PDB file of all heavy atoms in Angstrom:
ATOM      1  N   SER A   1      48.944  77.537-129.570  1.00  0.00           N
ATOM      2  CA  SER A   1      48.642  78.944-129.816  1.00  0.00           C
ATOM      3  C   SER A   1      49.187  79.822-128.708  1.00  0.00           C
ATOM      4  O   SER A   1      49.373  79.380-127.572  1.00  0.00           O
ATOM      5  CB  SER A   1      47.131  79.160-129.927  1.00  0.00           C
ATOM      6  OG  SER A   1      46.579  78.433-131.000  1.00  0.00           O
ATOM      7  N   LEU A   2      49.420  81.074-129.056  1.00  0.00           N
ATOM      8  CA  LEU A   2      49.916  82.057-128.111  1.00  0.00           C
ATOM      9  C   LEU A   2      49.498  83.435-128.603  1.00  0.00           C
ATOM     10  O   LEU A   2      49.479  83.675-129.814  1.00  0.00           O
ATOM     11  CB  LEU A   2      51.436  81.966-128.015  1.00  0.00           C
ATOM     12  CG  LEU A   2      52.147  82.447-126.752  1.00  0.00           C
ATOM     13  CD1 LEU A   2      51.687  81.667-125.532  1.00  0.00           C
ATOM     14  CD2 LEU A   2      53.654  82.299-126.931  1.00  0.00           C
ATOM     15  N   THR A   3      49.167  84.333-127.679  1.00  0.00           N
ATOM     16  CA  THR A   3      48.814  85.698-128.039  1.00  0.00           C
ATOM     17  C   THR A   3      49.783  86.676-127.390  1.00  0.00           C
ATOM     18  O   THR A   3      49.975  86.656-126.173  1.00  0.00           O
ATOM     19  CB  THR A   3      47.380  86.043-127.604  1.00  0.00           C
ATOM     20  OG1 THR A   3      46.462  85.168-128.256  1.00  0.00           O
ATOM     21  CG2 THR A   3      47.036  87.479-127.993  1.00  0.00           C
ATOM     22  N   LEU A   4      50.392  87.518-128.196  1.00  0.00           N
ATOM     23  CA  LEU A   4      51.286  88.553-127.708  1.00  0.00           C
ATOM     24  C   LEU A   4      50.554  89.888-127.644  1.00  0.00           C
ATOM     25  O   LEU A   4      49.658  90.155-128.452  1.00  0.00           O
ATOM     26  CB  LEU A   4      52.501  88.697-128.626  1.00  0.00           C
ATOM     27  CG  LEU A   4      53.309  87.431-128.898  1.00  0.00           C
ATOM     28  CD1 LEU A   4      54.509  87.776-129.772  1.00  0.00           C
ATOM     29  CD2 LEU A   4      53.740  86.773-127.601  1.00  0.00           C
ATOM     30  N   SER A   5      50.940  90.723-126.689  1.00  0.00           N
ATOM     31  CA  SER A   5      50.383  92.057-126.553  1.00  0.00           C
ATOM     32  C   SER A   5      51.481  93.092-126.667  1.00  0.00           C
ATOM     33  O   SER A   5      52.609  92.863-126.231  1.00  0.00           O
ATOM     34  CB  SER A   5      49.671  92.221-125.208  1.00  0.00           C
ATOM     35  OG  SER A   5      48.587  91.332-125.093  1.00  0.00           O
ATOM     36  N   CYS A   6      51.140  94.224-127.242  1.00  0.00           N
ATOM     37  CA  CYS A   6      52.038  95.371-127.328  1.00  0.00           C
ATOM     38  C   CYS A   6      51.301  96.554-126.731  1.00  0.00           C
ATOM     39  O   CYS A   6      50.378  97.090-127.349  1.00  0.00           O
ATOM     40  CB  CYS A   6      52.430  95.637-128.781  1.00  0.00           C
ATOM     41  SG  CYS A   6      53.449  97.097-129.035  1.00  0.00           S
ATOM     42  N   ALA A   7      51.689  96.938-125.525  1.00  0.00           N
ATOM     43  CA  ALA A   7      51.048  98.045-124.822  1.00  0.00           C
ATOM     44  C   ALA A   7      51.843  99.318-125.048  1.00  0.00           C
ATOM     45  O   ALA A   7      53.061  99.328-124.890  1.00  0.00           O
ATOM     46  CB  ALA A   7      50.948  97.737-123.335  1.00  0.00           C
ATOM     47  N   ALA A   8      51.145 100.395-125.390  1.00  0.00           N
ATOM     48  CA  ALA A   8      51.791 101.649-125.743  1.00  0.00           C
ATOM     49  C   ALA A   8      51.357 102.777-124.824  1.00  0.00           C
ATOM     50  O   ALA A   8      50.228 102.795-124.331  1.00  0.00           O
ATOM     51  CB  ALA A   8      51.475 102.027-127.186  1.00  0.00           C
ATOM     52  N   SER A   9      52.260 103.704-124.610  1.00  0.00           N
ATOM     53  CA  SER A   9      51.962 104.912-123.863  1.00  0.00           C
ATOM     54  C   SER A   9      51.466 105.998-124.806  1.00  0.00           C
ATOM     55  O   SER A   9      51.607 105.895-126.031  1.00  0.00           O
ATOM     56  CB  SER A   9      53.209 105.394-123.122  1.00  0.00           C
ATOM     57  OG  SER A   9      54.216 105.799-124.038  1.00  0.00           O
ATOM     58  N   GLY A  10      50.877 107.041-124.238  1.00  0.00           N
ATOM     59  CA  GLY A  10      50.504 108.204-125.011  1.00  0.00           C
ATOM     60  C   GLY A  10      49.066 108.202-125.497  1.00  0.00           C
ATOM     61  O   GLY A  10      48.536 107.159-125.890  1.00  0.00           O
ATOM     62  N   ARG A  11      48.470 109.372-125.515  1.00  0.00           N
ATOM     63  CA  ARG A  11      47.085 109.513-125.952  1.00  0.00           C
ATOM     64  C   ARG A  11      46.947 109.550-127.469  1.00  0.00           C
ATOM     65  O   ARG A  11      45.833 109.511-127.977  1.00  0.00           O
ATOM     66  CB  ARG A  11      46.465 110.769-125.339  1.00  0.00           C
ATOM     67  CG  ARG A  11      47.162 112.066-125.707  1.00  0.00           C
ATOM     68  CD  ARG A  11      46.501 113.248-125.007  1.00  0.00           C
ATOM     69  NE  ARG A  11      47.199 114.501-125.286  1.00  0.00           N
ATOM     70  CZ  ARG A  11      46.971 115.263-126.336  1.00  0.00           C
ATOM     71  NH1 ARG A  11      46.065 114.908-127.233  1.00  0.00           N
ATOM     72  NH2 ARG A  11      47.656 116.385-126.505  1.00  0.00           N
ATOM     73  N   THR A  12      48.062 109.615-128.191  1.00  0.00           N
ATOM     74  CA  THR A  12      48.050 109.632-129.646  1.00  0.00           C
ATOM     75  C   THR A  12      48.349 108.266-130.250  1.00  0.00           C
ATOM     76  O   THR A  12      48.690 108.175-131.426  1.00  0.00           O
ATOM     77  CB  THR A  12      49.054 110.660-130.199  1.00  0.00           C
ATOM     78  OG1 THR A  12      50.373 110.326-129.770  1.00  0.00           O
ATOM     79  CG2 THR A  12      48.702 112.057-129.722  1.00  0.00           C
ATOM     80  N   PHE A  13      48.199 107.209-129.470  1.00  0.00           N
ATOM     81  CA  PHE A  13      48.499 105.862-129.927  1.00  0.00           C
ATOM     82  C   PHE A  13      47.780 105.513-131.227  1.00  0.00           C
ATOM     83  O   PHE A  13      48.355 104.871-132.112  1.00  0.00           O
ATOM     84  CB  PHE A  13      48.136 104.852-128.839  1.00  0.00           C
ATOM     85  CG  PHE A  13      48.166 103.422-129.301  1.00  0.00           C
ATOM     86  CD1 PHE A  13      49.366 102.768-129.495  1.00  0.00           C
ATOM     87  CD2 PHE A  13      46.988 102.735-129.557  1.00  0.00           C
ATOM     88  CE1 PHE A  13      49.406 101.453-129.917  1.00  0.00           C
ATOM     89  CE2 PHE A  13      47.011 101.416-129.979  1.00  0.00           C
ATOM     90  CZ  PHE A  13      48.230 100.773-130.159  1.00  0.00           C
ATOM     91  N   SER A  14      46.529 105.923-131.341  1.00  0.00           N
ATOM     92  CA  SER A  14      45.733 105.568-132.508  1.00  0.00           C
ATOM     93  C   SER A  14      46.275 106.136-133.808  1.00  0.00           C
ATOM     94  O   SER A  14      45.879 105.689-134.889  1.00  0.00           O
ATOM     95  CB  SER A  14      44.281 106.024-132.321  1.00  0.00           C
ATOM     96  OG  SER A  14      44.201 107.436-132.218  1.00  0.00           O
ATOM     97  N   ARG A  15      47.188 107.083-133.737  1.00  0.00           N
ATOM     98  CA  ARG A  15      47.766 107.699-134.929  1.00  0.00           C
ATOM     99  C   ARG A  15      48.976 106.940-135.455  1.00  0.00           C
ATOM    100  O   ARG A  15      49.524 107.300-136.503  1.00  0.00           O
ATOM    101  CB  ARG A  15      48.146 109.150-134.633  1.00  0.00           C
ATOM    102  CG  ARG A  15      46.947 110.003-134.208  1.00  0.00           C
ATOM    103  CD  ARG A  15      47.358 111.368-133.711  1.00  0.00           C
ATOM    104  NE  ARG A  15      47.885 112.222-134.770  1.00  0.00           N
ATOM    105  CZ  ARG A  15      48.302 113.474-134.591  1.00  0.00           C
ATOM    106  NH1 ARG A  15      48.246 114.018-133.382  1.00  0.00           N
ATOM    107  NH2 ARG A  15      48.767 114.164-135.610  1.00  0.00           N
ATOM    108  N   TYR A  16      49.408 105.899-134.744  1.00  0.00           N
ATOM    109  CA  TYR A  16      50.580 105.125-135.135  1.00  0.00           C
ATOM    110  C   TYR A  16      50.190 103.797-135.766  1.00  0.00           C
ATOM    111  O   TYR A  16      49.279 103.111-135.290  1.00  0.00           O
ATOM    112  CB  TYR A  16      51.478 104.845-133.926  1.00  0.00           C
ATOM    113  CG  TYR A  16      52.207 106.045-133.399  1.00  0.00           C
ATOM    114  CD1 TYR A  16      51.622 106.866-132.447  1.00  0.00           C
ATOM    115  CD2 TYR A  16      53.485 106.348-133.849  1.00  0.00           C
ATOM    116  CE1 TYR A  16      52.284 107.976-131.960  1.00  0.00           C
ATOM    117  CE2 TYR A  16      54.154 107.455-133.364  1.00  0.00           C
ATOM    118  CZ  TYR A  16      53.553 108.264-132.422  1.00  0.00           C
ATOM    119  OH  TYR A  16      54.222 109.362-131.943  1.00  0.00           O
ATOM    120  N   SER A  17      50.900 103.424-136.814  1.00  0.00           N
ATOM    121  CA  SER A  17      50.854 102.061-137.316  1.00  0.00           C
ATOM    122  C   SER A  17      51.813 101.219-136.482  1.00  0.00           C
ATOM    123  O   SER A  17      52.867 101.702-136.063  1.00  0.00           O
ATOM    124  CB  SER A  17      51.260 102.007-138.784  1.00  0.00           C
ATOM    125  OG  SER A  17      50.340 102.721-139.589  1.00  0.00           O
ATOM    126  N   ILE A  18      51.448  99.964-136.244  1.00  0.00           N
ATOM    127  CA  ILE A  18      52.239  99.081-135.398  1.00  0.00           C
ATOM    128  C   ILE A  18      52.657  97.842-136.187  1.00  0.00           C
ATOM    129  O   ILE A  18      51.815  97.190-136.821  1.00  0.00           O
ATOM    130  CB  ILE A  18      51.462  98.652-134.142  1.00  0.00           C
ATOM    131  CG1 ILE A  18      51.002  99.874-133.338  1.00  0.00           C
ATOM    132  CG2 ILE A  18      52.317  97.722-133.283  1.00  0.00           C
ATOM    133  CD1 ILE A  18      52.136 100.697-132.754  1.00  0.00           C
ATOM    134  N   GLY A  19      53.941  97.531-136.126  1.00  0.00           N
ATOM    135  CA  GLY A  19      54.456  96.336-136.773  1.00  0.00           C
ATOM    136  C   GLY A  19      54.992  95.343-135.764  1.00  0.00           C
ATOM    137  O   GLY A  19      55.391  95.712-134.655  1.00  0.00           O
ATOM    138  N   TRP A  20      54.974  94.080-136.153  1.00  0.00           N
ATOM    139  CA  TRP A  20      55.601  93.012-135.380  1.00  0.00           C
ATOM    140  C   TRP A  20      56.765  92.443-136.178  1.00  0.00           C
ATOM    141  O   TRP A  20      56.635  92.167-137.383  1.00  0.00           O
ATOM    142  CB  TRP A  20      54.614  91.888-135.075  1.00  0.00           C
ATOM    143  CG  TRP A  20      53.592  92.218-134.032  1.00  0.00           C
ATOM    144  CD1 TRP A  20      52.327  92.670-134.228  1.00  0.00           C
ATOM    145  CD2 TRP A  20      53.763  92.100-132.613  1.00  0.00           C
ATOM    146  NE1 TRP A  20      51.691  92.845-133.028  1.00  0.00           N
ATOM    147  CE2 TRP A  20      52.541  92.503-132.022  1.00  0.00           C
ATOM    148  CE3 TRP A  20      54.815  91.690-131.792  1.00  0.00           C
ATOM    149  CZ2 TRP A  20      52.365  92.507-130.633  1.00  0.00           C
ATOM    150  CZ3 TRP A  20      54.628  91.699-130.419  1.00  0.00           C
ATOM    151  CH2 TRP A  20      53.416  92.105-129.856  1.00  0.00           C
ATOM    152  N   PHE A  21      57.897  92.264-135.502  1.00  0.00           N
ATOM    153  CA  PHE A  21      59.094  91.678-136.081  1.00  0.00           C
ATOM    154  C   PHE A  21      59.606  90.594-135.146  1.00  0.00           C
ATOM    155  O   PHE A  21      59.257  90.562-133.966  1.00  0.00           O
ATOM    156  CB  PHE A  21      60.172  92.744-136.302  1.00  0.00           C
ATOM    157  CG  PHE A  21      59.795  93.793-137.308  1.00  0.00           C
ATOM    158  CD1 PHE A  21      58.963  94.837-136.965  1.00  0.00           C
ATOM    159  CD2 PHE A  21      60.275  93.725-138.608  1.00  0.00           C
ATOM    160  CE1 PHE A  21      58.602  95.806-137.885  1.00  0.00           C
ATOM    161  CE2 PHE A  21      59.935  94.690-139.547  1.00  0.00           C
ATOM    162  CZ  PHE A  21      59.095  95.724-139.186  1.00  0.00           C
ATOM    163  N   ARG A  22      60.444  89.709-135.672  1.00  0.00           N
ATOM    164  CA  ARG A  22      61.032  88.678-134.823  1.00  0.00           C
ATOM    165  C   ARG A  22      62.476  88.435-135.226  1.00  0.00           C
ATOM    166  O   ARG A  22      62.878  88.668-136.362  1.00  0.00           O
ATOM    167  CB  ARG A  22      60.230  87.375-134.891  1.00  0.00           C
ATOM    168  CG  ARG A  22      60.250  86.688-136.252  1.00  0.00           C
ATOM    169  CD  ARG A  22      59.276  85.517-136.264  1.00  0.00           C
ATOM    170  NE  ARG A  22      59.308  84.790-137.519  1.00  0.00           N
ATOM    171  CZ  ARG A  22      58.479  83.813-137.836  1.00  0.00           C
ATOM    172  NH1 ARG A  22      57.535  83.433-136.982  1.00  0.00           N
ATOM    173  NH2 ARG A  22      58.586  83.199-139.017  1.00  0.00           N
ATOM    174  N   GLN A  23      63.256  87.942-134.260  1.00  0.00           N
ATOM    175  CA  GLN A  23      64.662  87.678-134.499  1.00  0.00           C
ATOM    176  C   GLN A  23      65.085  86.419-133.749  1.00  0.00           C
ATOM    177  O   GLN A  23      64.988  86.357-132.528  1.00  0.00           O
ATOM    178  CB  GLN A  23      65.526  88.864-134.063  1.00  0.00           C
ATOM    179  CG  GLN A  23      66.981  88.741-134.457  1.00  0.00           C
ATOM    180  CD  GLN A  23      67.731  90.050-134.297  1.00  0.00           C
ATOM    181  OE1 GLN A  23      67.319  90.925-133.531  1.00  0.00           O
ATOM    182  NE2 GLN A  23      68.822  90.198-135.025  1.00  0.00           N
ATOM    183  N   ALA A  24      65.547  85.429-134.501  1.00  0.00           N
ATOM    184  CA  ALA A  24      66.081  84.200-133.932  1.00  0.00           C
ATOM    185  C   ALA A  24      67.586  84.337-133.752  1.00  0.00           C
ATOM    186  O   ALA A  24      68.220  85.154-134.428  1.00  0.00           O
ATOM    187  CB  ALA A  24      65.751  83.018-134.835  1.00  0.00           C
ATOM    188  N   PRO A  25      68.197  83.552-132.863  1.00  0.00           N
ATOM    189  CA  PRO A  25      69.645  83.643-132.653  1.00  0.00           C
ATOM    190  C   PRO A  25      70.429  83.461-133.942  1.00  0.00           C
ATOM    191  O   PRO A  25      70.188  82.522-134.701  1.00  0.00           O
ATOM    192  CB  PRO A  25      69.932  82.506-131.673  1.00  0.00           C
ATOM    193  CG  PRO A  25      68.650  82.323-130.932  1.00  0.00           C
ATOM    194  CD  PRO A  25      67.573  82.579-131.948  1.00  0.00           C
ATOM    195  N   GLY A  26      71.351  84.376-134.204  1.00  0.00           N
ATOM    196  CA  GLY A  26      72.180  84.304-135.387  1.00  0.00           C
ATOM    197  C   GLY A  26      71.491  84.700-136.676  1.00  0.00           C
ATOM    198  O   GLY A  26      72.097  84.586-137.745  1.00  0.00           O
ATOM    199  N   LYS A  27      70.251  85.163-136.599  1.00  0.00           N
ATOM    200  CA  LYS A  27      69.494  85.528-137.788  1.00  0.00           C
ATOM    201  C   LYS A  27      69.197  87.021-137.810  1.00  0.00           C
ATOM    202  O   LYS A  27      69.261  87.700-136.787  1.00  0.00           O
ATOM    203  CB  LYS A  27      68.176  84.747-137.843  1.00  0.00           C
ATOM    204  CG  LYS A  27      68.322  83.241-137.779  1.00  0.00           C
ATOM    205  CD  LYS A  27      69.021  82.693-139.002  1.00  0.00           C
ATOM    206  CE  LYS A  27      69.070  81.175-138.962  1.00  0.00           C
ATOM    207  NZ  LYS A  27      69.767  80.623-140.151  1.00  0.00           N
ATOM    208  N   GLU A  28      68.868  87.522-138.996  1.00  0.00           N
ATOM    209  CA  GLU A  28      68.443  88.904-139.135  1.00  0.00           C
ATOM    210  C   GLU A  28      67.033  89.079-138.600  1.00  0.00           C
ATOM    211  O   GLU A  28      66.232  88.145-138.602  1.00  0.00           O
ATOM    212  CB  GLU A  28      68.486  89.326-140.602  1.00  0.00           C
ATOM    213  CG  GLU A  28      69.868  89.305-141.233  1.00  0.00           C
ATOM    214  CD  GLU A  28      70.744  90.414-140.718  1.00  0.00           C
ATOM    215  OE1 GLU A  28      70.213  91.499-140.369  1.00  0.00           O
ATOM    216  OE2 GLU A  28      71.966  90.217-140.657  1.00  0.00           O
ATOM    217  N   ARG A  29      66.739  90.284-138.133  1.00  0.00           N
ATOM    218  CA  ARG A  29      65.389  90.594-137.709  1.00  0.00           C
ATOM    219  C   ARG A  29      64.472  90.622-138.937  1.00  0.00           C
ATOM    220  O   ARG A  29      64.807  91.232-139.957  1.00  0.00           O
ATOM    221  CB  ARG A  29      65.348  91.941-136.989  1.00  0.00           C
ATOM    222  CG  ARG A  29      64.028  92.225-136.296  1.00  0.00           C
ATOM    223  CD  ARG A  29      64.126  93.444-135.381  1.00  0.00           C
ATOM    224  NE  ARG A  29      65.103  93.240-134.313  1.00  0.00           N
ATOM    225  CZ  ARG A  29      65.298  94.085-133.314  1.00  0.00           C
ATOM    226  NH1 ARG A  29      64.586  95.201-133.229  1.00  0.00           N
ATOM    227  NH2 ARG A  29      66.215  93.822-132.393  1.00  0.00           N
ATOM    228  N   GLU A  30      63.320  89.952-138.840  1.00  0.00           N
ATOM    229  CA  GLU A  30      62.432  89.832-139.984  1.00  0.00           C
ATOM    230  C   GLU A  30      61.020  90.301-139.666  1.00  0.00           C
ATOM    231  O   GLU A  30      60.547  90.209-138.534  1.00  0.00           O
ATOM    232  CB  GLU A  30      62.390  88.387-140.499  1.00  0.00           C
ATOM    233  CG  GLU A  30      61.766  87.393-139.534  1.00  0.00           C
ATOM    234  CD  GLU A  30      61.623  85.996-140.122  1.00  0.00           C
ATOM    235  OE1 GLU A  30      61.902  85.823-141.337  1.00  0.00           O
ATOM    236  OE2 GLU A  30      61.237  85.072-139.387  1.00  0.00           O
ATOM    237  N   TYR A  31      60.360  90.777-140.692  1.00  0.00           N
ATOM    238  CA  TYR A  31      58.990  91.257-140.598  1.00  0.00           C
ATOM    239  C   TYR A  31      58.020  90.110-140.373  1.00  0.00           C
ATOM    240  O   TYR A  31      58.170  89.037-140.962  1.00  0.00           O
ATOM    241  CB  TYR A  31      58.635  91.999-141.885  1.00  0.00           C
ATOM    242  CG  TYR A  31      57.180  92.369-142.025  1.00  0.00           C
ATOM    243  CD1 TYR A  31      56.626  93.390-141.261  1.00  0.00           C
ATOM    244  CD2 TYR A  31      56.364  91.717-142.937  1.00  0.00           C
ATOM    245  CE1 TYR A  31      55.299  93.739-141.396  1.00  0.00           C
ATOM    246  CE2 TYR A  31      55.040  92.061-143.084  1.00  0.00           C
ATOM    247  CZ  TYR A  31      54.510  93.073-142.309  1.00  0.00           C
ATOM    248  OH  TYR A  31      53.195  93.423-142.458  1.00  0.00           O
ATOM    249  N   VAL A  32      57.005  90.343-139.538  1.00  0.00           N
ATOM    250  CA  VAL A  32      55.981  89.341-139.260  1.00  0.00           C
ATOM    251  C   VAL A  32      54.606  89.820-139.705  1.00  0.00           C
ATOM    252  O   VAL A  32      53.923  89.160-140.489  1.00  0.00           O
ATOM    253  CB  VAL A  32      55.948  88.970-137.767  1.00  0.00           C
ATOM    254  CG1 VAL A  32      54.808  87.993-137.480  1.00  0.00           C
ATOM    255  CG2 VAL A  32      57.279  88.378-137.331  1.00  0.00           C
ATOM    256  N   ALA A  33      54.175  90.975-139.186  1.00  0.00           N
ATOM    257  CA  ALA A  33      52.829  91.475-139.460  1.00  0.00           C
ATOM    258  C   ALA A  33      52.761  92.941-139.088  1.00  0.00           C
ATOM    259  O   ALA A  33      53.608  93.456-138.359  1.00  0.00           O
ATOM    260  CB  ALA A  33      51.781  90.677-138.670  1.00  0.00           C
ATOM    261  N   ALA A  34      51.722  93.634-139.572  1.00  0.00           N
ATOM    262  CA  ALA A  34      51.521  95.036-139.233  1.00  0.00           C
ATOM    263  C   ALA A  34      50.056  95.403-139.331  1.00  0.00           C
ATOM    264  O   ALA A  34      49.278  94.750-140.042  1.00  0.00           O
ATOM    265  CB  ALA A  34      52.352  95.946-140.146  1.00  0.00           C
ATOM    266  N   ILE A  35      49.686  96.462-138.618  1.00  0.00           N
ATOM    267  CA  ILE A  35      48.349  97.027-138.700  1.00  0.00           C
ATOM    268  C   ILE A  35      48.477  98.537-138.749  1.00  0.00           C
ATOM    269  O   ILE A  35      49.211  99.137-137.968  1.00  0.00           O
ATOM    270  CB  ILE A  35      47.463  96.550-137.523  1.00  0.00           C
ATOM    271  CG1 ILE A  35      46.024  97.050-137.693  1.00  0.00           C
ATOM    272  CG2 ILE A  35      48.047  96.966-136.172  1.00  0.00           C
ATOM    273  CD1 ILE A  35      45.036  96.318-136.790  1.00  0.00           C
TER     274      ILE A  35
END
Protein backbone atom coordinates (compact mmCIF):
# COMPACT_ATOMS: atom_id res chain seq x y z
CA SER A 1 0.00 0.00 0.00
CA LEU A 2 0.94 3.61 -0.55
CA THR A 3 -0.79 6.94 0.08
CA LEU A 4 -0.26 9.95 -2.16
CA SER A 5 -0.99 13.54 -1.14
CA CYS A 6 -1.90 16.53 -3.28
CA ALA A 7 -1.31 19.79 -1.43
CA ALA A 8 -2.89 22.92 -2.88
CA SER A 9 -2.42 26.63 -2.40
CA GLY A 10 -5.18 29.18 -2.05
CA ARG A 11 -8.09 29.77 0.30
CA THR A 12 -10.59 28.71 -2.39
CA PHE A 13 -9.30 25.13 -2.55
CA SER A 14 -12.64 23.72 -1.43
CA ARG A 15 -14.28 25.08 -4.60
CA TYR A 16 -12.16 22.86 -6.87
CA SER A 17 -12.71 19.27 -7.90
CA ILE A 18 -9.48 17.27 -7.85
CA GLY A 19 -8.53 14.43 -10.17
CA TRP A 20 -5.72 11.91 -10.14
CA PHE A 21 -4.08 10.74 -13.37
CA ARG A 22 -1.08 8.54 -14.11
CA GLN A 23 1.33 8.05 -16.98
CA ALA A 24 3.68 5.13 -17.57
CA PRO A 25 6.67 5.37 -19.95
CA GLY A 26 5.54 5.29 -23.56
CA LYS A 27 1.87 5.37 -22.57
CA GLU A 28 -0.88 7.97 -22.67
CA ARG A 29 -1.85 9.76 -19.49
CA GLU A 30 -4.88 7.99 -18.01
CA TYR A 31 -7.58 8.80 -15.49
CA VAL A 32 -7.37 7.18 -12.05
CA ALA A 33 -9.84 8.82 -9.64
CA ALA A 34 -11.52 12.11 -8.75
CA ILE A 35 -13.36 13.86 -5.95
